Amino acid sequence: ANRIVDRAPGGLRKGYFTTAEAEASGNAIRRERLYAGVGRVLSAYRSYHGNTGSAIAATGDWRRVPNEFSRGHVHFFNPYLYRSEFNAATEEEECQRALAHLRRIIECEGPTAIAAILLESIPGTAGILVPPAGYMHGVRALADEFGIVLILDEVMAGFGRTGSWFAFEQDGVVPDLVTFATGVNAGYVPAGWVLV
């Protein structure tokens, strides 16, 4: 455990174990809701965060629909130029329009009512959707501007799968919390982790 913390970038220096991947997401959500004292969590439609109560509600795909037992989840469109929701023709346009969309969601939901933004660094189950250049920086900037915690889910993208210890290091951003699981133990033991 100490080796993981020693390699973590930025100010991420504490962590705690959970029993599996979904519990890591669920615990991060509960932690931030308790800390912020508000209940909304923003997450992307093209995402998968697990299948427990909060994790499945944060998931954006169709699996959440019959399982939405957790309150306060708001979804937004993340960038995906191949099937752009923003009528973009270039990566730069897709990035700018996706960030403008996220800003409007934050403004319309009310920044003081939002506990966290939960994103997969690189959505995996939704189709390996590498964000365009500048998107993660833009999300980090929006979170900072509005005082919202940024949680990055590294279950599918972390632990060297992108060429760095954590996938978010490829973009040069540091989240407030990181969730991960399978890569930390090669899938041998059901365990998750939240790094703060």
C-alpha atoms as a PDB file:
ATOM      1  CA  ALA A   1       0.000   0.000   0.000  1.00  0.00           C
ATOM      2  CA  ASN A   2       2.785   2.442   0.823  1.00  0.00           C
ATOM      3  CA  ARG A   3       4.391   1.872  -2.589  1.00  0.00           C
ATOM      4  CA  ILE A   4       1.164   2.936  -4.296  1.00  0.00           C
ATOM      5  CA  VAL A   5       0.961   6.122  -2.235  1.00  0.00           C
ATOM      6  CA  ASP A   6       4.666   6.851  -2.798  1.00  0.00           C
ATOM      7  CA  ARG A   7       4.142   6.754  -6.569  1.00  0.00           C
ATOM      8  CA  ALA A   8       0.978   8.862  -6.578  1.00  0.00           C
ATOM      9  CA  PRO A   9       1.327  12.276  -8.215  1.00  0.00           C
ATOM     10  CA  GLY A  10       0.448  15.618  -6.676  1.00  0.00           C
ATOM     11  CA  GLY A  11      -0.931  15.768  -3.161  1.00  0.00           C
ATOM     12  CA  LEU A  12      -2.527  12.308  -3.242  1.00  0.00           C
ATOM     13  CA  ARG A  13      -1.018  10.788  -0.111  1.00  0.00           C
ATOM     14  CA  LYS A  14      -3.713   8.815   1.709  1.00  0.00           C
ATOM     15  CA  GLY A  15      -5.903   5.937   0.734  1.00  0.00           C
ATOM     16  CA  TYR A  16      -8.175   3.217   1.961  1.00  0.00           C
ATOM     17  CA  PHE A  17      -9.196  -0.225   0.766  1.00  0.00           C
ATOM     18  CA  THR A  18     -12.678  -1.260  -0.293  1.00  0.00           C
ATOM     19  CA  THR A  19     -13.976  -4.726  -1.101  1.00  0.00           C
ATOM     20  CA  ALA A  20     -14.250  -4.305  -4.887  1.00  0.00           C
ATOM     21  CA  GLU A  21     -14.281  -1.923  -7.851  1.00  0.00           C
ATOM     22  CA  ALA A  22     -17.860  -0.727  -7.468  1.00  0.00           C
ATOM     23  CA  GLU A  23     -17.391  -0.119  -3.756  1.00  0.00           C
ATOM     24  CA  ALA A  24     -14.441   2.149  -4.537  1.00  0.00           C
ATOM     25  CA  SER A  25     -16.714   4.366  -6.645  1.00  0.00           C
ATOM     26  CA  GLY A  26     -19.547   4.144  -4.132  1.00  0.00           C
ATOM     27  CA  ASN A  27     -17.268   5.008  -1.211  1.00  0.00           C
ATOM     28  CA  ALA A  28     -15.774   7.977  -3.062  1.00  0.00           C
ATOM     29  CA  ILE A  29     -19.288   9.261  -3.819  1.00  0.00           C
ATOM     30  CA  ARG A  30     -20.461   8.829  -0.219  1.00  0.00           C
ATOM     31  CA  ARG A  31     -17.298  10.437   1.126  1.00  0.00           C
ATOM     32  CA  GLU A  32     -17.731  13.553  -0.990  1.00  0.00           C
ATOM     33  CA  ARG A  33     -21.458  13.832  -0.298  1.00  0.00           C
ATOM     34  CA  LEU A  34     -20.740  13.734   3.438  1.00  0.00           C
ATOM     35  CA  TYR A  35     -17.843  16.181   3.145  1.00  0.00           C
ATOM     36  CA  ALA A  36     -19.668  18.667   0.895  1.00  0.00           C
ATOM     37  CA  GLY A  37     -23.039  18.301   2.609  1.00  0.00           C
ATOM     38  CA  VAL A  38     -24.776  18.224  -0.774  1.00  0.00           C
ATOM     39  CA  GLY A  39     -25.943  15.295  -2.853  1.00  0.00           C
ATOM     40  CA  ARG A  40     -25.478  15.750  -6.597  1.00  0.00           C
ATOM     41  CA  VAL A  41     -22.779  13.880  -8.483  1.00  0.00           C
ATOM     42  CA  LEU A  42     -22.106  14.556 -12.167  1.00  0.00           C
ATOM     43  CA  SER A  43     -20.954  11.696 -14.380  1.00  0.00           C
ATOM     44  CA  ALA A  44     -20.842  10.959 -18.088  1.00  0.00           C
ATOM     45  CA  TYR A  45     -23.410   9.074 -20.136  1.00  0.00           C
ATOM     46  CA  ARG A  46     -20.652   7.017 -21.749  1.00  0.00           C
ATOM     47  CA  SER A  47     -19.310   5.503 -18.547  1.00  0.00           C
ATOM     48  CA  TYR A  48     -19.349   2.496 -16.260  1.00  0.00           C
ATOM     49  CA  HIS A  49     -18.486   2.729 -12.552  1.00  0.00           C
ATOM     50  CA  GLY A  50     -19.729  -0.590 -11.176  1.00  0.00           C
ATOM     51  CA  ASN A  51     -22.993  -2.251 -10.224  1.00  0.00           C
ATOM     52  CA  THR A  52     -23.672  -1.366  -6.598  1.00  0.00           C
ATOM     53  CA  GLY A  53     -26.258   1.301  -5.679  1.00  0.00           C
ATOM     54  CA  SER A  54     -24.339   4.562  -6.165  1.00  0.00           C
ATOM     55  CA  ALA A  55     -21.918   3.158  -8.723  1.00  0.00           C
ATOM     56  CA  ILE A  56     -24.630   1.907 -11.093  1.00  0.00           C
ATOM     57  CA  ALA A  57     -26.590   5.158 -10.766  1.00  0.00           C
ATOM     58  CA  ALA A  58     -23.402   7.070 -11.668  1.00  0.00           C
ATOM     59  CA  THR A  59     -22.949   4.788 -14.678  1.00  0.00           C
ATOM     60  CA  GLY A  60     -24.251   6.426 -17.802  1.00  0.00           C
ATOM     61  CA  ASP A  61     -25.144   3.460 -19.951  1.00  0.00           C
ATOM     62  CA  TRP A  62     -28.433   1.545 -20.200  1.00  0.00           C
ATOM     63  CA  ARG A  63     -27.617  -0.831 -17.313  1.00  0.00           C
ATOM     64  CA  ARG A  64     -28.448   1.881 -14.791  1.00  0.00           C
ATOM     65  CA  VAL A  65     -32.034   2.459 -15.908  1.00  0.00           C
ATOM     66  CA  PRO A  66     -33.754  -0.404 -14.011  1.00  0.00           C
ATOM     67  CA  ASN A  67     -31.310  -0.006 -11.087  1.00  0.00           C
ATOM     68  CA  GLU A  68     -31.433   3.647 -10.105  1.00  0.00           C
ATOM     69  CA  PHE A  69     -31.819   3.249  -6.363  1.00  0.00           C
ATOM     70  CA  SER A  70     -29.410   6.054  -5.491  1.00  0.00           C
ATOM     71  CA  ARG A  71     -30.411   9.698  -5.609  1.00  0.00           C
ATOM     72  CA  GLY A  72     -28.775  12.816  -6.974  1.00  0.00           C
ATOM     73  CA  HIS A  73     -26.977  11.643 -10.104  1.00  0.00           C
ATOM     74  CA  VAL A  74     -26.830  13.973 -13.102  1.00  0.00           C
ATOM     75  CA  HIS A  75     -25.360  12.844 -16.410  1.00  0.00           C
ATOM     76  CA  PHE A  76     -23.661  14.823 -19.163  1.00  0.00           C
ATOM     77  CA  PHE A  77     -22.187  13.993 -22.561  1.00  0.00           C
ATOM     78  CA  ASN A  78     -18.461  13.421 -22.616  1.00  0.00           C
ATOM     79  CA  PRO A  79     -16.482  14.005 -25.821  1.00  0.00           C
ATOM     80  CA  TYR A  80     -16.614  11.343 -28.525  1.00  0.00           C
ATOM     81  CA  LEU A  81     -15.831  12.830 -31.922  1.00  0.00           C
ATOM     82  CA  TYR A  82     -16.829   9.687 -33.868  1.00  0.00           C
ATOM     83  CA  ARG A  83     -20.451  10.104 -32.714  1.00  0.00           C
ATOM     84  CA  SER A  84     -20.395  13.720 -31.612  1.00  0.00           C
ATOM     85  CA  GLU A  85     -23.312  15.043 -29.591  1.00  0.00           C
ATOM     86  CA  PHE A  86     -21.929  18.511 -30.317  1.00  0.00           C
ATOM     87  CA  ASN A  87     -21.824  18.467 -34.144  1.00  0.00           C
ATOM     88  CA  ALA A  88     -18.068  18.914 -34.007  1.00  0.00           C
ATOM     89  CA  ALA A  89     -15.800  18.293 -36.979  1.00  0.00           C
ATOM     90  CA  THR A  90     -12.432  18.390 -35.192  1.00  0.00           C
ATOM     91  CA  GLU A  91     -11.022  17.215 -31.869  1.00  0.00           C
ATOM     92  CA  GLU A  92     -10.561  20.829 -30.794  1.00  0.00           C
ATOM     93  CA  GLU A  93     -14.207  21.642 -31.511  1.00  0.00           C
ATOM     94  CA  GLU A  94     -15.345  18.490 -29.710  1.00  0.00           C
ATOM     95  CA  CYS A  95     -13.274  19.433 -26.661  1.00  0.00           C
ATOM     96  CA  GLN A  96     -14.500  23.034 -26.551  1.00  0.00           C
ATOM     97  CA  ARG A  97     -18.143  22.103 -27.047  1.00  0.00           C
ATOM     98  CA  ALA A  98     -18.024  19.250 -24.515  1.00  0.00           C
ATOM     99  CA  LEU A  99     -16.532  21.602 -21.916  1.00  0.00           C
ATOM    100  CA  ALA A 100     -19.150  24.284 -22.711  1.00  0.00           C
ATOM    101  CA  HIS A 101     -21.838  21.609 -22.256  1.00  0.00           C
ATOM    102  CA  LEU A 102     -20.383  20.544 -18.898  1.00  0.00           C
ATOM    103  CA  ARG A 103     -20.205  24.184 -17.780  1.00  0.00           C
ATOM    104  CA  ARG A 104     -23.907  24.642 -18.608  1.00  0.00           C
ATOM    105  CA  ILE A 105     -24.829  21.479 -16.691  1.00  0.00           C
ATOM    106  CA  ILE A 106     -22.918  22.780 -13.655  1.00  0.00           C
ATOM    107  CA  GLU A 107     -24.563  26.204 -13.932  1.00  0.00           C
ATOM    108  CA  CYS A 108     -28.053  24.752 -14.407  1.00  0.00           C
ATOM    109  CA  GLU A 109     -27.741  22.233 -11.556  1.00  0.00           C
ATOM    110  CA  GLY A 110     -26.201  24.856  -9.278  1.00  0.00           C
ATOM    111  CA  PRO A 111     -22.505  24.506  -8.358  1.00  0.00           C
ATOM    112  CA  THR A 112     -23.231  24.650  -4.634  1.00  0.00           C
ATOM    113  CA  ALA A 113     -25.494  21.587  -4.964  1.00  0.00           C
ATOM    114  CA  ILE A 114     -22.796  19.448  -6.634  1.00  0.00           C
ATOM    115  CA  ALA A 115     -20.543  17.299  -4.463  1.00  0.00           C
ATOM    116  CA  ALA A 116     -18.333  15.860  -7.210  1.00  0.00           C
ATOM    117  CA  ILE A 117     -17.648  15.172 -10.858  1.00  0.00           C
ATOM    118  CA  LEU A 118     -16.917  11.472 -11.386  1.00  0.00           C
ATOM    119  CA  LEU A 119     -15.165  10.518 -14.629  1.00  0.00           C
ATOM    120  CA  GLU A 120     -13.314   7.565 -16.019  1.00  0.00           C
ATOM    121  CA  SER A 121      -9.924   8.876 -17.180  1.00  0.00           C
ATOM    122  CA  ILE A 122     -10.467   6.828 -20.317  1.00  0.00           C
ATOM    123  CA  PRO A 123     -13.927   5.241 -20.527  1.00  0.00           C
ATOM    124  CA  GLY A 124     -13.412   1.547 -21.181  1.00  0.00           C
ATOM    125  CA  THR A 125     -16.696  -0.358 -21.153  1.00  0.00           C
ATOM    126  CA  ALA A 126     -18.211   2.432 -23.260  1.00  0.00           C
ATOM    127  CA  GLY A 127     -15.614   1.854 -25.980  1.00  0.00           C
ATOM    128  CA  ILE A 128     -12.068   3.041 -25.059  1.00  0.00           C
ATOM    129  CA  LEU A 129     -12.886   6.720 -25.551  1.00  0.00           C
ATOM    130  CA  VAL A 130      -9.624   8.631 -25.179  1.00  0.00           C
ATOM    131  CA  PRO A 131     -10.538  12.257 -24.362  1.00  0.00           C
ATOM    132  CA  PRO A 132      -9.311  14.898 -26.803  1.00  0.00           C
ATOM    133  CA  ALA A 133      -6.302  17.005 -25.899  1.00  0.00           C
ATOM    134  CA  GLY A 134      -7.222  19.622 -23.312  1.00  0.00           C
ATOM    135  CA  TYR A 135     -10.451  18.018 -22.114  1.00  0.00           C
ATOM    136  CA  MET A 136      -9.169  16.730 -18.774  1.00  0.00           C
ATOM    137  CA  HIS A 137      -7.448  20.067 -18.129  1.00  0.00           C
ATOM    138  CA  GLY A 138     -10.747  21.793 -18.879  1.00  0.00           C
ATOM    139  CA  VAL A 139     -12.680  19.544 -16.496  1.00  0.00           C
ATOM    140  CA  ARG A 140     -10.064  20.150 -13.779  1.00  0.00           C
ATOM    141  CA  ALA A 141     -10.368  23.915 -14.382  1.00  0.00           C
ATOM    142  CA  LEU A 142     -14.185  23.785 -14.132  1.00  0.00           C
ATOM    143  CA  ALA A 143     -14.001  21.771 -10.916  1.00  0.00           C
ATOM    144  CA  ASP A 144     -11.570  24.315  -9.462  1.00  0.00           C
ATOM    145  CA  GLU A 145     -13.606  27.296 -10.642  1.00  0.00           C
ATOM    146  CA  PHE A 146     -16.815  26.024  -9.051  1.00  0.00           C
ATOM    147  CA  GLY A 147     -15.276  24.364  -5.980  1.00  0.00           C
ATOM    148  CA  ILE A 148     -16.304  20.843  -7.007  1.00  0.00           C
ATOM    149  CA  VAL A 149     -14.286  17.729  -6.189  1.00  0.00           C
ATOM    150  CA  LEU A 150     -12.931  15.800  -9.190  1.00  0.00           C
ATOM    151  CA  ILE A 151     -12.946  12.002  -8.816  1.00  0.00           C
ATOM    152  CA  LEU A 152     -11.233   9.968 -11.533  1.00  0.00           C
ATOM    153  CA  ASP A 153     -12.067   6.293 -11.955  1.00  0.00           C
ATOM    154  CA  GLU A 154      -8.920   4.403 -12.985  1.00  0.00           C
ATOM    155  CA  VAL A 155     -10.281   0.858 -12.672  1.00  0.00           C
ATOM    156  CA  MET A 156      -9.830   0.110 -16.377  1.00  0.00           C
ATOM    157  CA  ALA A 157      -7.141   2.611 -17.373  1.00  0.00           C
ATOM    158  CA  GLY A 158      -4.706   2.767 -14.441  1.00  0.00           C
ATOM    159  CA  PHE A 159      -1.597   0.813 -13.479  1.00  0.00           C
ATOM    160  CA  GLY A 160       0.534   1.181 -16.576  1.00  0.00           C
ATOM    161  CA  ARG A 161      -2.146   0.481 -19.154  1.00  0.00           C
ATOM    162  CA  THR A 162      -1.526   3.869 -20.809  1.00  0.00           C
ATOM    163  CA  GLY A 163       2.238   3.996 -20.312  1.00  0.00           C
ATOM    164  CA  SER A 164       2.193   5.780 -16.956  1.00  0.00           C
ATOM    165  CA  TRP A 165       1.272   4.634 -13.465  1.00  0.00           C
ATOM    166  CA  PHE A 166      -2.099   6.415 -13.685  1.00  0.00           C
ATOM    167  CA  ALA A 167      -3.869   7.308 -16.946  1.00  0.00           C
ATOM    168  CA  PHE A 168      -4.570  10.874 -15.805  1.00  0.00           C
ATOM    169  CA  GLU A 169      -0.811  11.522 -15.723  1.00  0.00           C
ATOM    170  CA  GLN A 170      -0.892  11.387 -19.533  1.00  0.00           C
ATOM    171  CA  ASP A 171      -2.942  14.599 -19.420  1.00  0.00           C
ATOM    172  CA  GLY A 172      -0.914  16.256 -16.668  1.00  0.00           C
ATOM    173  CA  VAL A 173      -3.864  16.673 -14.288  1.00  0.00           C
ATOM    174  CA  VAL A 174      -4.237  15.594 -10.671  1.00  0.00           C
ATOM    175  CA  PRO A 175      -7.716  14.706  -9.377  1.00  0.00           C
ATOM    176  CA  ASP A 176      -8.890  15.143  -5.803  1.00  0.00           C
ATOM    177  CA  LEU A 177      -9.662  11.421  -5.478  1.00  0.00           C
ATOM    178  CA  VAL A 178      -8.760   8.365  -7.552  1.00  0.00           C
ATOM    179  CA  THR A 179     -10.579   5.037  -7.510  1.00  0.00           C
ATOM    180  CA  PHE A 180      -8.999   1.839  -8.800  1.00  0.00           C
ATOM    181  CA  ALA A 181      -9.145  -1.889  -8.261  1.00  0.00           C
ATOM    182  CA  THR A 182      -8.228  -4.716 -10.612  1.00  0.00           C
ATOM    183  CA  GLY A 183      -4.795  -3.457 -11.628  1.00  0.00           C
ATOM    184  CA  VAL A 184      -3.634  -3.093  -8.038  1.00  0.00           C
ATOM    185  CA  ASN A 185      -3.633  -6.872  -7.496  1.00  0.00           C
ATOM    186  CA  ALA A 186      -3.788  -8.328 -11.016  1.00  0.00           C
ATOM    187  CA  GLY A 187      -7.398  -9.364 -10.356  1.00  0.00           C
ATOM    188  CA  TYR A 188      -6.401 -12.104  -7.897  1.00  0.00           C
ATOM    189  CA  VAL A 189      -8.282 -10.688  -4.920  1.00  0.00           C
ATOM    190  CA  PRO A 190     -11.555  -8.734  -4.972  1.00  0.00           C
ATOM    191  CA  ALA A 191     -10.347  -5.375  -3.712  1.00  0.00           C
ATOM    192  CA  GLY A 192     -10.717  -1.710  -4.504  1.00  0.00           C
ATOM    193  CA  TRP A 193      -8.909   1.388  -3.399  1.00  0.00           C
ATOM    194  CA  VAL A 194      -9.697   5.087  -2.979  1.00  0.00           C
ATOM    195  CA  LEU A 195      -6.676   7.398  -3.078  1.00  0.00           C
ATOM    196  CA  VAL A 196      -7.133  10.853  -1.561  1.00  0.00           C
END
